Amino acid sequence: MQLRYIMLSPLDPPINDVVGLILDVSPDSLNDNSRAGEVELWDSMTQIILINVLETTYGVKFTTRELDRMGSIGEMRSIIEAKLAR
């Protein structure tokens, strides 16, 4: 299962691991459609913490426009992968 995930996404560590750690949930319980308000503990304050941790973990900085688009894990993954590909 992990091998399949690595082939789908170059992010290391996998974004589900990072989000799961912050939200104190199993990474396996998260998917690309997981979003704030649907996962317990994922509120606006946690979103700010999560954004900071993602920037630090992957060495990126998000624009305001990108932050506005980050409604789900899948959108976060897409934005981070695009930034890392540059």
C-alpha atoms as a PDB file:
ATOM      1  CA  MET A   1       0.000   0.000   0.000  1.00  0.00           C
ATOM      2  CA  GLN A   2       2.770   2.459   0.878  1.00  0.00           C
ATOM      3  CA  LEU A   3       4.539   1.708  -2.409  1.00  0.00           C
ATOM      4  CA  ARG A   4       1.370   2.558  -4.346  1.00  0.00           C
ATOM      5  CA  TYR A   5       1.094   5.865  -2.509  1.00  0.00           C
ATOM      6  CA  ILE A   6       4.718   6.786  -3.198  1.00  0.00           C
ATOM      7  CA  MET A   7       4.191   6.183  -6.895  1.00  0.00           C
ATOM      8  CA  LEU A   8       1.211   8.544  -6.875  1.00  0.00           C
ATOM      9  CA  SER A   9       2.895  11.378  -4.979  1.00  0.00           C
ATOM     10  CA  PRO A  10       6.522  12.448  -4.596  1.00  0.00           C
ATOM     11  CA  LEU A  11       5.892  14.146  -1.245  1.00  0.00           C
ATOM     12  CA  ASP A  12       8.098  12.860   1.540  1.00  0.00           C
ATOM     13  CA  PRO A  13       6.798  12.513   4.137  1.00  0.00           C
ATOM     14  CA  PRO A  14       3.360  11.814   2.632  1.00  0.00           C
ATOM     15  CA  ILE A  15       0.958  14.685   3.245  1.00  0.00           C
ATOM     16  CA  ASN A  16      -1.540  12.360   4.955  1.00  0.00           C
ATOM     17  CA  ASP A  17       1.137  11.583   7.557  1.00  0.00           C
ATOM     18  CA  VAL A  18       1.705  15.280   8.233  1.00  0.00           C
ATOM     19  CA  VAL A  19      -2.001  16.126   8.404  1.00  0.00           C
ATOM     20  CA  GLY A  20      -2.719  13.057  10.538  1.00  0.00           C
ATOM     21  CA  LEU A  21      -0.021  14.053  13.003  1.00  0.00           C
ATOM     22  CA  ILE A  22      -1.419  17.578  13.370  1.00  0.00           C
ATOM     23  CA  LEU A  23      -5.037  16.399  13.627  1.00  0.00           C
ATOM     24  CA  ASP A  24      -4.161  13.435  15.855  1.00  0.00           C
ATOM     25  CA  VAL A  25      -5.846  10.948  13.520  1.00  0.00           C
ATOM     26  CA  SER A  26      -4.620   7.945  11.584  1.00  0.00           C
ATOM     27  CA  PRO A  27      -3.233   8.925   8.159  1.00  0.00           C
ATOM     28  CA  ASP A  28      -5.196   5.968   6.770  1.00  0.00           C
ATOM     29  CA  SER A  29      -8.448   7.694   7.780  1.00  0.00           C
ATOM     30  CA  LEU A  30      -7.624  10.654   5.508  1.00  0.00           C
ATOM     31  CA  ASN A  31      -8.006  10.941   1.751  1.00  0.00           C
ATOM     32  CA  ASP A  32      -7.806  13.624  -0.923  1.00  0.00           C
ATOM     33  CA  ASN A  33     -11.384  14.704  -0.177  1.00  0.00           C
ATOM     34  CA  SER A  34     -10.794  15.172   3.571  1.00  0.00           C
ATOM     35  CA  ARG A  35     -11.334  18.801   4.531  1.00  0.00           C
ATOM     36  CA  ALA A  36     -11.756  21.176   7.450  1.00  0.00           C
ATOM     37  CA  GLY A  37     -15.100  20.818   9.173  1.00  0.00           C
ATOM     38  CA  GLU A  38     -15.396  17.152   8.191  1.00  0.00           C
ATOM     39  CA  VAL A  39     -12.518  15.900  10.325  1.00  0.00           C
ATOM     40  CA  GLU A  40     -12.774  16.347  14.073  1.00  0.00           C
ATOM     41  CA  LEU A  41     -10.288  18.924  15.395  1.00  0.00           C
ATOM     42  CA  TRP A  42      -9.771  20.466  11.923  1.00  0.00           C
ATOM     43  CA  ASP A  43     -10.999  23.990  12.536  1.00  0.00           C
ATOM     44  CA  SER A  44      -9.712  27.406  11.480  1.00  0.00           C
ATOM     45  CA  MET A  45      -6.988  27.504  14.142  1.00  0.00           C
ATOM     46  CA  THR A  46      -5.776  24.040  13.226  1.00  0.00           C
ATOM     47  CA  GLN A  47      -5.772  25.098   9.556  1.00  0.00           C
ATOM     48  CA  ILE A  48      -3.300  27.886  10.395  1.00  0.00           C
ATOM     49  CA  ILE A  49      -1.065  25.455  12.274  1.00  0.00           C
ATOM     50  CA  LEU A  50      -1.337  22.938   9.452  1.00  0.00           C
ATOM     51  CA  ILE A  51      -0.338  25.511   6.820  1.00  0.00           C
ATOM     52  CA  ASN A  52       2.704  26.499   8.884  1.00  0.00           C
ATOM     53  CA  VAL A  53       3.766  22.871   9.336  1.00  0.00           C
ATOM     54  CA  LEU A  54       3.295  22.143   5.609  1.00  0.00           C
ATOM     55  CA  GLU A  55       5.428  25.159   4.669  1.00  0.00           C
ATOM     56  CA  THR A  56       8.166  24.068   7.074  1.00  0.00           C
ATOM     57  CA  THR A  57       8.022  20.373   6.171  1.00  0.00           C
ATOM     58  CA  TYR A  58       8.162  20.862   2.412  1.00  0.00           C
ATOM     59  CA  GLY A  59      10.218  24.074   2.323  1.00  0.00           C
ATOM     60  CA  VAL A  60       7.582  26.121   0.488  1.00  0.00           C
ATOM     61  CA  LYS A  61       5.699  29.368   1.048  1.00  0.00           C
ATOM     62  CA  PHE A  62       2.063  29.717   0.038  1.00  0.00           C
ATOM     63  CA  THR A  63       0.508  32.767  -1.577  1.00  0.00           C
ATOM     64  CA  THR A  64      -2.843  34.103  -0.410  1.00  0.00           C
ATOM     65  CA  ARG A  65      -4.411  32.752  -3.597  1.00  0.00           C
ATOM     66  CA  GLU A  66      -3.000  29.276  -2.884  1.00  0.00           C
ATOM     67  CA  LEU A  67      -4.229  29.406   0.706  1.00  0.00           C
ATOM     68  CA  ASP A  68      -7.725  30.212  -0.548  1.00  0.00           C
ATOM     69  CA  ARG A  69      -7.626  27.073  -2.720  1.00  0.00           C
ATOM     70  CA  MET A  70      -6.501  24.762   0.093  1.00  0.00           C
ATOM     71  CA  GLY A  71      -9.882  23.351   1.017  1.00  0.00           C
ATOM     72  CA  SER A  72      -8.940  19.679   1.014  1.00  0.00           C
ATOM     73  CA  ILE A  73      -5.916  17.430   1.360  1.00  0.00           C
ATOM     74  CA  GLY A  74      -5.995  16.781  -2.382  1.00  0.00           C
ATOM     75  CA  GLU A  75      -5.859  20.506  -3.131  1.00  0.00           C
ATOM     76  CA  MET A  76      -3.012  20.928  -0.647  1.00  0.00           C
ATOM     77  CA  ARG A  77      -1.104  18.068  -2.269  1.00  0.00           C
ATOM     78  CA  SER A  78      -1.614  19.507  -5.750  1.00  0.00           C
ATOM     79  CA  ILE A  79      -0.363  22.970  -4.751  1.00  0.00           C
ATOM     80  CA  ILE A  80       2.691  21.608  -2.915  1.00  0.00           C
ATOM     81  CA  GLU A  81       3.631  19.268  -5.774  1.00  0.00           C
ATOM     82  CA  ALA A  82       3.359  22.134  -8.278  1.00  0.00           C
ATOM     83  CA  LYS A  83       5.592  24.325  -6.110  1.00  0.00           C
ATOM     84  CA  LEU A  84       8.193  21.580  -5.722  1.00  0.00           C
ATOM     85  CA  ALA A  85       8.215  20.889  -9.456  1.00  0.00           C
ATOM     86  CA  ARG A  86       9.325  24.445 -10.239  1.00  0.00           C
END
